[in-house]
């Protein structure tokens, strides 16, 4: 049964991603067609074609590797001007027919001219008024922003369902004197919290002092303790000094001399900045508080998530480098390192197969996992670099800006932005994304992120 639930969890996560990819591509295709553009292909996945069908001028299909998708919009790249045209003629109806040169000098020039040639091989004279690059800039923005916007909408809908039906579960410390709920066995860096202890890890002061779950802390350093926040403040300010700790166990009061250690820990619950503070190694007893929310609450929470995601995007190359070092055994894999869809599928399977998780909690977790991926993918695609959607959006906005300035100062229309000139950047970015993707997939197979215990 456990194996079956694991497989069902993986399949559910994979299905959610495939649906998200398909809807993302619809976000591009629908407005492109509405604006008169010609879409010749709509595919989910890459690699060999598993299934396809022709509907009108568009071929719809599924490919073998579900790591993305694409729509083929005719005329993404302009021909590049008469200087790059091999032959410009007219057909029987008087339409201009452009044949783009297929070779050029220089590596980058060759890449650009080859891309133009491939683009224009399938363009006919009848397509002249339907080419993407000829669309007004605002239509280009809508077409290219449609895909990632759909991902953000999917994330919003899923989070709205989670917050409205299941709610946000948070843990609040029980009032009164703190009762020990958990004693950490070994000292671990904060970034590695949750991983299993090894023989080389030092023991925590709480473990060395013999503290056990159920003990009630009554005094620290001679001060009577009335709350967890008070105890936490005293522990953090104690540094690595020796002090007296008093606790009750089975109705008996016990006092021991302990020495706290110094460790880098978050400044507070709302500030993840690490600060060197005193550390004991206990967690207090808590109770679950459920908060339900509607659309405004969901937008507020997604605002916090967006801020965290933007920070994660900025740190992505460094984090992936850390995963690479973990693969070769230089350092353990950090608990907050990024994961690929392979890692996401594994986590979905593990959560689904855990017998101590209620069904509602499993469903909420799987939905939040899918929502989180959609939020990150949506934001990631807005990065203003080709081949991401944000690169095309940036090109369209630059076209609007320079044409606006030309009109303002009475200058000639500079024409359409030639996105082909940015293809070298696109190839570099695509190569970097491919490398990072491979590293994360290998990392998720070799040194997977460990799920927190319990």
Protein backbone atom coordinates (compact mmCIF):
# COMPACT_ATOMS: atom_id res chain seq x y z
CA UNK A 1 0.00 0.00 0.00
CA UNK A 2 2.87 2.40 0.83
CA UNK A 3 4.48 1.86 -2.58
CA UNK A 4 1.15 2.40 -4.31
CA UNK A 5 0.56 5.66 -2.42
CA UNK A 6 4.10 6.79 -3.27
CA UNK A 7 3.50 6.15 -6.97
CA UNK A 8 0.12 7.90 -6.83
CA UNK A 9 1.76 10.94 -5.21
CA UNK A 10 4.42 11.12 -7.92
CA UNK A 11 1.83 10.70 -10.67
CA UNK A 12 -0.42 13.36 -9.13
CA UNK A 13 2.48 15.83 -9.03
CA UNK A 14 3.51 14.96 -12.61
CA UNK A 15 -0.08 15.36 -13.83
CA UNK A 16 -0.35 18.75 -12.10
CA UNK A 17 2.83 19.91 -13.87
CA UNK A 18 1.70 18.65 -17.27
CA UNK A 19 -1.63 20.46 -16.86
CA UNK A 20 0.21 23.60 -15.78
CA UNK A 21 2.49 23.43 -18.82
CA UNK A 22 -0.46 22.92 -21.13
CA UNK A 23 -2.32 25.90 -19.64
CA UNK A 24 0.86 28.01 -19.81
CA UNK A 25 1.13 27.38 -23.54
CA UNK A 26 -2.58 28.12 -23.99
CA UNK A 27 -1.83 31.45 -22.35
CA UNK A 28 0.45 32.19 -25.32
CA UNK A 29 -1.61 30.57 -28.07
CA UNK A 30 -5.07 31.97 -27.37
CA UNK A 31 -4.14 35.68 -27.46
CA UNK A 32 -1.79 35.07 -30.40
CA UNK A 33 -4.69 33.64 -32.41
CA UNK A 34 -7.08 36.34 -31.17
CA UNK A 35 -4.69 38.99 -32.49
CA UNK A 36 -4.54 37.29 -35.90
CA UNK A 37 -1.21 35.56 -35.43
CA UNK A 38 -0.56 32.20 -37.05
CA UNK A 39 0.15 29.35 -34.62
CA UNK A 40 1.33 26.21 -36.40
CA UNK A 41 2.21 24.01 -33.41
CA UNK A 42 1.06 23.50 -29.81
CA UNK A 43 3.01 20.85 -27.92
CA UNK A 44 3.37 19.80 -24.31
CA UNK A 45 6.81 18.31 -23.69
CA UNK A 46 9.97 18.00 -25.73
CA UNK A 47 11.68 15.24 -27.69
CA UNK A 48 9.98 12.56 -29.79
CA UNK A 49 6.29 13.07 -30.53
CA UNK A 50 4.04 10.63 -28.67
CA UNK A 51 0.76 11.84 -30.17
CA UNK A 52 -0.40 14.68 -32.39
CA UNK A 53 -3.39 15.78 -34.42
CA UNK A 54 -3.96 18.53 -36.95
CA UNK A 55 -6.78 20.98 -36.28
CA UNK A 56 -6.98 23.69 -38.91
CA UNK A 57 -3.58 25.32 -39.30
CA UNK A 58 -2.36 24.14 -35.87
CA UNK A 59 -0.83 20.79 -34.92
CA UNK A 60 -1.60 19.80 -31.32
CA UNK A 61 0.42 17.11 -29.60
CA UNK A 62 2.31 15.57 -26.69
CA UNK A 63 6.02 14.82 -26.66
CA UNK A 64 7.92 12.24 -24.62
CA UNK A 65 9.80 14.46 -22.14
CA UNK A 66 7.37 16.50 -19.98
CA UNK A 67 9.91 19.17 -19.00
CA UNK A 68 8.17 22.04 -20.76
CA UNK A 69 6.21 22.87 -23.86
CA UNK A 70 5.98 25.34 -26.71
CA UNK A 71 3.77 27.01 -29.27
CA UNK A 72 5.14 27.90 -32.68
CA UNK A 73 4.03 31.43 -33.57
CA UNK A 74 4.98 32.33 -37.14
CA UNK A 75 7.26 35.33 -37.67
CA UNK A 76 8.94 35.71 -34.27
CA UNK A 77 12.10 36.96 -36.05
CA UNK A 78 12.10 39.66 -38.74
CA UNK A 79 13.98 38.95 -41.99
CA UNK A 80 16.62 41.45 -40.93
CA UNK A 81 16.53 43.91 -43.83
CA UNK A 82 17.35 43.88 -47.50
CA UNK A 83 21.07 43.46 -46.78
CA UNK A 84 20.37 39.98 -45.37
CA UNK A 85 17.91 38.89 -48.03
CA UNK A 86 19.21 36.43 -50.59
CA UNK A 87 16.32 37.14 -52.91
CA UNK A 88 13.29 39.42 -52.81
CA UNK A 89 10.64 38.66 -55.46
CA UNK A 90 6.90 38.87 -55.98
CA UNK A 91 4.49 36.02 -56.48
CA UNK A 92 1.63 35.72 -58.98
CA UNK A 93 -0.61 37.82 -56.72
CA UNK A 94 1.92 40.60 -56.41
CA UNK A 95 2.97 39.73 -52.82
CA UNK A 96 6.57 40.24 -51.78
CA UNK A 97 8.48 36.99 -51.18
CA UNK A 98 11.66 37.18 -49.09
CA UNK A 99 14.33 34.48 -49.05
CA UNK A 100 16.74 34.97 -46.17
CA UNK A 101 20.43 34.30 -46.57
CA UNK A 102 21.45 31.04 -44.85
CA UNK A 103 25.09 31.82 -44.18
CA UNK A 104 27.17 34.70 -42.90
CA UNK A 105 30.58 35.45 -41.46
CA UNK A 106 31.40 35.16 -37.75
CA UNK A 107 30.08 32.67 -35.22
CA UNK A 108 27.31 34.87 -33.79
CA UNK A 109 26.33 36.22 -37.20
CA UNK A 110 26.08 32.63 -38.43
CA UNK A 111 23.81 31.68 -35.51
CA UNK A 112 21.54 34.64 -36.19
CA UNK A 113 21.35 34.13 -39.95
CA UNK A 114 20.68 30.40 -39.55
CA UNK A 115 17.86 31.14 -37.10
CA UNK A 116 16.35 33.67 -39.51
CA UNK A 117 16.60 31.19 -42.39
CA UNK A 118 14.89 28.45 -40.35
CA UNK A 119 12.16 30.89 -39.32
CA UNK A 120 11.44 32.08 -42.86
CA UNK A 121 11.53 28.71 -44.59
CA UNK A 122 7.90 28.08 -43.64
CA UNK A 123 6.60 31.64 -44.10
CA UNK A 124 4.55 32.29 -47.21
CA UNK A 125 3.37 35.51 -48.81
CA UNK A 126 -0.10 34.91 -47.38
CA UNK A 127 1.38 35.15 -43.86
CA UNK A 128 2.65 38.72 -44.38
CA UNK A 129 -0.02 40.38 -42.21
CA UNK A 130 0.05 37.65 -39.53
CA UNK A 131 3.73 37.74 -38.52
CA UNK A 132 4.37 38.10 -34.80
CA UNK A 133 7.12 40.70 -35.12
CA UNK A 134 4.70 43.01 -36.99
CA UNK A 135 2.19 43.05 -34.13
CA UNK A 136 1.87 46.27 -32.08
CA UNK A 137 4.13 46.15 -29.03
CA UNK A 138 1.23 45.83 -26.57
CA UNK A 139 -0.10 42.75 -28.36
CA UNK A 140 3.36 41.16 -28.16
CA UNK A 141 3.45 41.85 -24.43
CA UNK A 142 0.02 40.27 -23.91
CA UNK A 143 0.95 37.18 -25.96
CA UNK A 144 4.27 36.60 -24.22
CA UNK A 145 3.01 37.51 -20.73
CA UNK A 146 0.00 35.23 -21.17
CA UNK A 147 1.92 32.06 -20.35
CA UNK A 148 3.56 33.03 -17.04
CA UNK A 149 0.44 34.95 -16.02
CA UNK A 150 -1.53 31.71 -16.33
CA UNK A 151 0.97 30.08 -13.94
CA UNK A 152 0.42 32.88 -11.44
CA UNK A 153 -3.35 32.49 -11.77
CA UNK A 154 -3.05 28.73 -11.21
CA UNK A 155 -0.97 29.40 -8.10
CA UNK A 156 -3.56 31.91 -6.85
CA UNK A 157 -6.48 29.52 -7.37
CA UNK A 158 -4.70 26.64 -5.65
CA UNK A 159 -3.60 28.78 -2.71
CA UNK A 160 -7.12 30.25 -2.46
CA UNK A 161 -8.56 26.74 -2.19
CA UNK A 162 -5.93 25.75 0.36
CA UNK A 163 -6.38 28.85 2.53
CA UNK A 164 -10.17 28.83 2.23
CA UNK A 165 -10.86 25.13 2.76
CA UNK A 166 -7.88 23.70 4.62
CA UNK A 167 -6.52 26.89 6.16
CA UNK A 168 -3.06 27.90 7.26
CA UNK A 169 -1.73 25.79 10.09
CA UNK A 170 0.70 27.50 12.40
CA UNK A 171 2.23 26.36 15.66
CA UNK A 172 1.96 28.56 18.71
CA UNK A 173 3.85 27.87 21.91
CA UNK A 174 1.70 26.81 24.85
CA UNK A 175 1.17 29.58 27.40
CA UNK A 176 2.87 29.45 30.80
CA UNK A 177 6.10 27.79 31.76
CA UNK A 178 7.67 26.09 28.71
CA UNK A 179 7.32 22.33 28.50
CA UNK A 180 10.03 20.54 26.51
CA UNK A 181 8.54 18.90 23.43
CA UNK A 182 11.73 17.81 21.68
CA UNK A 183 15.41 17.59 22.55
CA UNK A 184 17.87 17.92 19.67
CA UNK A 185 20.53 15.22 19.83
CA UNK A 186 23.29 16.87 17.83
CA UNK A 187 24.45 20.33 16.85
CA UNK A 188 23.63 21.02 13.22
CA UNK A 189 24.08 24.23 11.22
CA UNK A 190 20.75 25.97 10.76
CA UNK A 191 20.83 25.36 6.99
CA UNK A 192 21.10 21.61 7.65
CA UNK A 193 18.26 21.40 10.15
CA UNK A 194 16.33 18.17 9.74
CA UNK A 195 19.11 15.94 8.51
CA UNK A 196 20.14 12.84 10.44
CA UNK A 197 22.95 13.09 12.99
CA UNK A 198 26.35 11.58 12.22
CA UNK A 199 29.07 10.31 14.54
CA UNK A 200 31.12 13.44 13.87
CA UNK A 201 28.38 15.81 15.06
CA UNK A 202 28.71 17.28 18.56
CA UNK A 203 25.92 16.78 21.08
CA UNK A 204 23.66 19.64 22.14
CA UNK A 205 23.88 21.08 25.67
CA UNK A 206 20.28 19.95 26.29
CA UNK A 207 21.11 16.37 25.35
CA UNK A 208 24.27 16.39 27.50
CA UNK A 209 22.24 17.78 30.41
CA UNK A 210 19.80 14.86 30.18
CA UNK A 211 16.70 16.92 29.38
CA UNK A 212 13.72 14.90 28.14
CA UNK A 213 10.37 15.66 26.50
CA UNK A 214 7.82 16.55 29.17
CA UNK A 215 10.27 18.40 31.43
CA UNK A 216 8.99 21.81 32.54
CA UNK A 217 11.62 24.57 32.69
CA UNK A 218 11.16 26.60 35.87
CA UNK A 219 14.36 28.64 36.17
CA UNK A 220 17.40 29.63 34.09
CA UNK A 221 20.45 31.35 35.53
CA UNK A 222 18.63 31.95 38.80
CA UNK A 223 15.67 33.67 37.13
CA UNK A 224 12.18 32.21 37.44
CA UNK A 225 10.80 31.27 34.02
CA UNK A 226 7.20 32.11 33.15
CA UNK A 227 7.16 31.84 29.31
CA UNK A 228 9.05 30.41 26.35
CA UNK A 229 9.88 33.85 24.97
CA UNK A 230 11.58 34.75 28.25
CA UNK A 231 13.57 31.49 28.31
CA UNK A 232 14.57 31.87 24.65
CA UNK A 233 15.82 35.40 25.28
CA UNK A 234 17.91 34.27 28.26
CA UNK A 235 19.39 31.30 26.37
CA UNK A 236 20.37 33.45 23.37
CA UNK A 237 22.01 36.07 25.58
CA UNK A 238 23.90 33.45 27.61
CA UNK A 239 26.41 32.79 24.83
CA UNK A 240 28.73 29.94 25.80
CA UNK A 241 28.63 30.62 29.55
CA UNK A 242 27.95 28.12 32.30
CA UNK A 243 24.68 28.61 34.18
CA UNK A 244 22.09 26.84 36.31
CA UNK A 245 19.01 25.24 34.73
CA UNK A 246 16.06 24.12 36.86
CA UNK A 247 13.24 21.93 35.60
CA UNK A 248 10.48 19.73 36.94
CA UNK A 249 10.14 16.05 36.07
CA UNK A 250 7.49 13.78 37.56
CA UNK A 251 6.79 16.34 40.31
CA UNK A 252 10.47 16.67 41.31
CA UNK A 253 12.56 19.82 40.89
CA UNK A 254 16.00 19.21 39.38
CA UNK A 255 18.82 21.76 38.99
CA UNK A 256 21.84 21.18 36.77
CA UNK A 257 24.80 23.22 35.66
CA UNK A 258 24.84 23.52 31.88
CA UNK A 259 26.97 25.33 29.30
CA UNK A 260 25.12 26.67 26.30
CA UNK A 261 26.92 26.81 22.98
CA UNK A 262 27.04 29.57 20.37
CA UNK A 263 25.41 28.98 16.99
CA UNK A 264 24.20 31.04 14.03
CA UNK A 265 20.41 31.18 14.30
CA UNK A 266 17.66 33.39 12.77
CA UNK A 267 17.25 36.73 14.50
CA UNK A 268 13.51 36.16 14.93
CA UNK A 269 10.58 34.30 13.41
CA UNK A 270 10.14 37.12 10.88
CA UNK A 271 13.83 37.76 10.20
CA UNK A 272 15.93 34.96 8.71
CA UNK A 273 19.18 36.90 9.23
CA UNK A 274 21.57 34.55 11.03
CA UNK A 275 23.09 35.84 14.26
CA UNK A 276 25.58 34.20 16.63
CA UNK A 277 23.59 33.50 19.81
CA UNK A 278 23.46 31.09 22.69
CA UNK A 279 21.86 27.71 21.91
CA UNK A 280 20.51 24.95 24.17
CA UNK A 281 18.78 22.52 21.81
CA UNK A 282 15.16 22.20 22.94
CA UNK A 283 11.80 22.88 21.35
CA UNK A 284 8.73 23.86 23.44
CA UNK A 285 5.32 22.21 23.39
CA UNK A 286 3.00 23.89 20.92
CA UNK A 287 -0.58 23.76 19.70
CA UNK A 288 -1.96 24.17 16.18
CA UNK A 289 -3.76 27.37 15.19
CA UNK A 290 -5.82 27.29 11.97
CA UNK A 291 -6.36 30.50 10.00
CA UNK A 292 -8.75 30.62 7.04
CA UNK A 293 -8.66 33.36 4.43
CA UNK A 294 -10.20 34.58 1.19
CA UNK A 295 -8.86 36.33 -1.92
CA UNK A 296 -7.26 39.29 -0.10
CA UNK A 297 -5.58 36.99 2.41
CA UNK A 298 -4.34 34.83 -0.47
CA UNK A 299 -2.91 37.85 -2.30
CA UNK A 300 -1.20 38.96 0.89
CA UNK A 301 0.38 35.55 1.44
CA UNK A 302 1.42 35.32 -2.22
CA UNK A 303 3.06 38.73 -1.81
CA UNK A 304 5.30 37.29 0.90
CA UNK A 305 5.97 34.21 -1.23
CA UNK A 306 6.82 36.39 -4.24
CA UNK A 307 9.38 38.31 -2.20
CA UNK A 308 10.98 35.04 -1.08
CA UNK A 309 10.89 33.68 -4.65
CA UNK A 310 12.62 36.78 -6.05
CA UNK A 311 15.36 36.39 -3.46
CA UNK A 312 15.62 32.70 -4.36
CA UNK A 313 15.91 33.59 -8.07
CA UNK A 314 18.75 36.00 -7.33
CA UNK A 315 20.56 33.31 -5.34
CA UNK A 316 19.79 30.46 -7.77
CA UNK A 317 23.27 30.14 -9.39
CA UNK A 318 24.95 30.10 -5.97
CA UNK A 319 22.45 27.57 -4.61
CA UNK A 320 22.91 25.30 -7.65
CA UNK A 321 26.68 25.52 -7.16
CA UNK A 322 26.10 24.30 -3.61
CA UNK A 323 24.09 21.35 -4.94
CA UNK A 324 26.98 20.57 -7.29
CA UNK A 325 29.40 20.49 -4.35
CA UNK A 326 27.02 18.21 -2.48
CA UNK A 327 26.95 15.82 -5.45
CA UNK A 328 30.74 15.39 -5.35
CA UNK A 329 30.75 15.13 -1.56
CA UNK A 330 32.46 18.42 -0.74
CA UNK A 331 29.66 19.48 1.60
CA UNK A 332 26.22 18.23 2.72
CA UNK A 333 23.23 19.39 0.71
CA UNK A 334 21.51 22.35 2.32
CA UNK A 335 17.91 21.87 3.39
CA UNK A 336 16.91 25.09 1.59
CA UNK A 337 18.58 24.21 -1.71
CA UNK A 338 16.45 24.33 -4.89
CA UNK A 339 14.96 21.14 -6.28
CA UNK A 340 14.02 19.94 -9.76
CA UNK A 341 10.72 18.37 -10.75
CA UNK A 342 12.39 15.04 -9.92
CA UNK A 343 12.87 16.23 -6.35
CA UNK A 344 9.35 17.61 -6.28
CA UNK A 345 7.97 14.26 -7.43
CA UNK A 346 9.99 12.42 -4.78
CA UNK A 347 8.71 14.71 -2.03
CA UNK A 348 5.14 14.29 -3.30
CA UNK A 349 5.57 10.52 -3.20
CA UNK A 350 7.07 10.53 0.30
CA UNK A 351 4.31 12.69 1.74
CA UNK A 352 1.59 10.63 0.05
CA UNK A 353 3.01 7.39 1.44
CA UNK A 354 3.31 8.55 5.06
CA UNK A 355 0.71 6.72 7.12
CA UNK A 356 0.66 9.32 9.93
CA UNK A 357 -0.49 12.12 7.59
CA UNK A 358 -4.28 12.65 7.36
CA UNK A 359 -5.68 12.58 3.82
CA UNK A 360 -6.71 16.26 4.00
CA UNK A 361 -3.17 17.22 4.99
CA UNK A 362 -1.71 15.20 2.13
CA UNK A 363 -4.03 16.82 -0.40
CA UNK A 364 -3.26 20.28 0.94
CA UNK A 365 0.48 19.60 0.76
CA UNK A 366 0.30 18.30 -2.82
CA UNK A 367 -1.78 21.31 -3.84
CA UNK A 368 0.67 23.69 -2.16
CA UNK A 369 3.59 21.94 -3.87
CA UNK A 370 1.95 22.40 -7.28
CA UNK A 371 1.01 25.99 -6.41
CA UNK A 372 4.56 26.77 -5.31
CA UNK A 373 6.03 25.40 -8.54
CA UNK A 374 3.55 27.45 -10.58
CA UNK A 375 4.37 30.59 -8.65
CA UNK A 376 8.12 30.10 -9.13
CA UNK A 377 7.79 29.15 -12.82
CA UNK A 378 5.56 32.16 -13.47
CA UNK A 379 7.97 34.58 -11.83
CA UNK A 380 10.99 32.90 -13.42
CA UNK A 381 9.54 33.32 -16.90
CA UNK A 382 9.23 37.07 -16.33
CA UNK A 383 13.02 37.39 -16.00
CA UNK A 384 13.90 39.78 -18.89
CA UNK A 385 16.31 37.48 -20.69
CA UNK A 386 15.80 35.42 -23.82
CA UNK A 387 14.77 32.64 -24.34
CA UNK A 388 12.43 33.27 -21.39
CA UNK A 389 9.11 35.00 -21.99
CA UNK A 390 10.42 38.02 -20.13
CA UNK A 391 13.08 38.50 -22.81
CA UNK A 392 10.41 38.87 -25.50
CA UNK A 393 8.41 41.19 -23.22
CA UNK A 394 11.49 43.34 -22.67
CA UNK A 395 12.07 43.53 -26.45
CA UNK A 396 8.48 44.65 -27.03
CA UNK A 397 8.70 47.28 -24.29
CA UNK A 398 12.00 48.56 -25.71
CA UNK A 399 10.33 48.80 -29.13
CA UNK A 400 7.50 50.88 -27.62
CA UNK A 401 9.98 53.10 -25.77
CA UNK A 402 12.21 53.92 -28.72
CA UNK A 403 9.26 54.43 -31.08
CA UNK A 404 7.69 56.73 -28.50
CA UNK A 405 10.87 58.77 -28.22
CA UNK A 406 11.11 58.94 -32.02
CA UNK A 407 7.58 60.36 -32.25
CA UNK A 408 8.23 62.75 -29.38
CA UNK A 409 11.32 64.25 -31.00
CA UNK A 410 10.07 64.05 -34.58
CA UNK A 411 12.57 61.42 -35.67
CA UNK A 412 11.99 58.64 -38.23
CA UNK A 413 10.31 55.47 -36.96
CA UNK A 414 13.13 53.11 -35.89
CA UNK A 415 10.95 50.12 -36.79
CA UNK A 416 10.58 46.77 -35.06
CA UNK A 417 13.10 45.53 -32.51
CA UNK A 418 15.17 42.73 -34.02
CA UNK A 419 15.04 39.99 -31.38
CA UNK A 420 17.36 37.86 -33.53
CA UNK A 421 20.29 40.05 -32.50
CA UNK A 422 19.79 38.82 -28.93
CA UNK A 423 19.99 35.14 -29.89
CA UNK A 424 23.62 34.78 -28.70
CA UNK A 425 22.43 35.87 -25.26
CA UNK A 426 19.54 33.41 -25.54
CA UNK A 427 21.91 30.55 -26.33
CA UNK A 428 24.11 31.39 -23.34
CA UNK A 429 21.11 31.65 -21.00
CA UNK A 430 19.59 28.44 -22.36
CA UNK A 431 22.90 26.61 -21.88
CA UNK A 432 23.15 27.88 -18.30
CA UNK A 433 19.57 26.79 -17.58
CA UNK A 434 20.26 23.37 -19.07
CA UNK A 435 23.36 22.91 -16.92
CA UNK A 436 21.54 24.04 -13.77
CA UNK A 437 18.63 21.75 -14.58
CA UNK A 438 20.91 18.74 -15.02
CA UNK A 439 22.76 19.53 -11.77
CA UNK A 440 19.49 19.74 -9.82
CA UNK A 441 18.14 16.52 -11.33
CA UNK A 442 21.38 14.65 -10.54
CA UNK A 443 21.40 16.18 -7.06
CA UNK A 444 17.82 15.06 -6.43
CA UNK A 445 18.80 11.52 -7.42
CA UNK A 446 22.17 11.34 -5.63
CA UNK A 447 21.83 13.64 -2.59
CA UNK A 448 18.10 14.42 -2.25
CA UNK A 449 16.83 17.06 0.15
CA UNK A 450 15.82 15.30 3.34
CA UNK A 451 12.25 15.74 4.53
CA UNK A 452 12.08 17.13 8.08
CA UNK A 453 11.35 14.43 10.63
CA UNK A 454 7.81 14.22 11.97
